[in-house]
Amino acid sequence: MCIQCPYGTHACGVGALNCAVLSPASEYTECELPYTLKQFRDRSRLCPLDVCPTDAPPGIAPRFKTGGLGKLMEAGVFEVYVCVQGHPCSGSIDAWFCWVLDERKATPYETAPDQWVAWGRTEQLKLLQI
């Protein structure tokens, strides 16, 4: 028997019992992400295999995971997410917190933190298998 997620949710490949809803989380309005996509790309380039050299520049973006929103995507509005490890809103140094990029605010020029919409903790979203 195939169980499907309700409309507006997505199982993210882990089954219908883990449906995640794409909506700004009102309890996380103070959770800002002060990095741009360029800064995350720079981290990927500077820190291969997620290990940063000791001479990495100050202000480098934190450890992150990113991806497309799949069935939750709203073209031109919400298309990608990023999850950051150890953000104060994640609850602990080993936990992850996620944001969705608001494409309307990110183009043509990125404007962190205004371009990010706080989404929630990964354990709530059931988004990452880390």
Foldseek 3Di string as FASTA:
>chain_A
DADAADPQWDQQPPHNVQTFHDDFDPVCPVQFDFDDVVLVVVQCVQAPVNHHDPPDDPPRAADKDKDFPVPNDDPQAWTMKMKGACRVQQVHNGWIWMWTFGNVQPPPHHDGRVRTGGRGTCVNNVNDDD
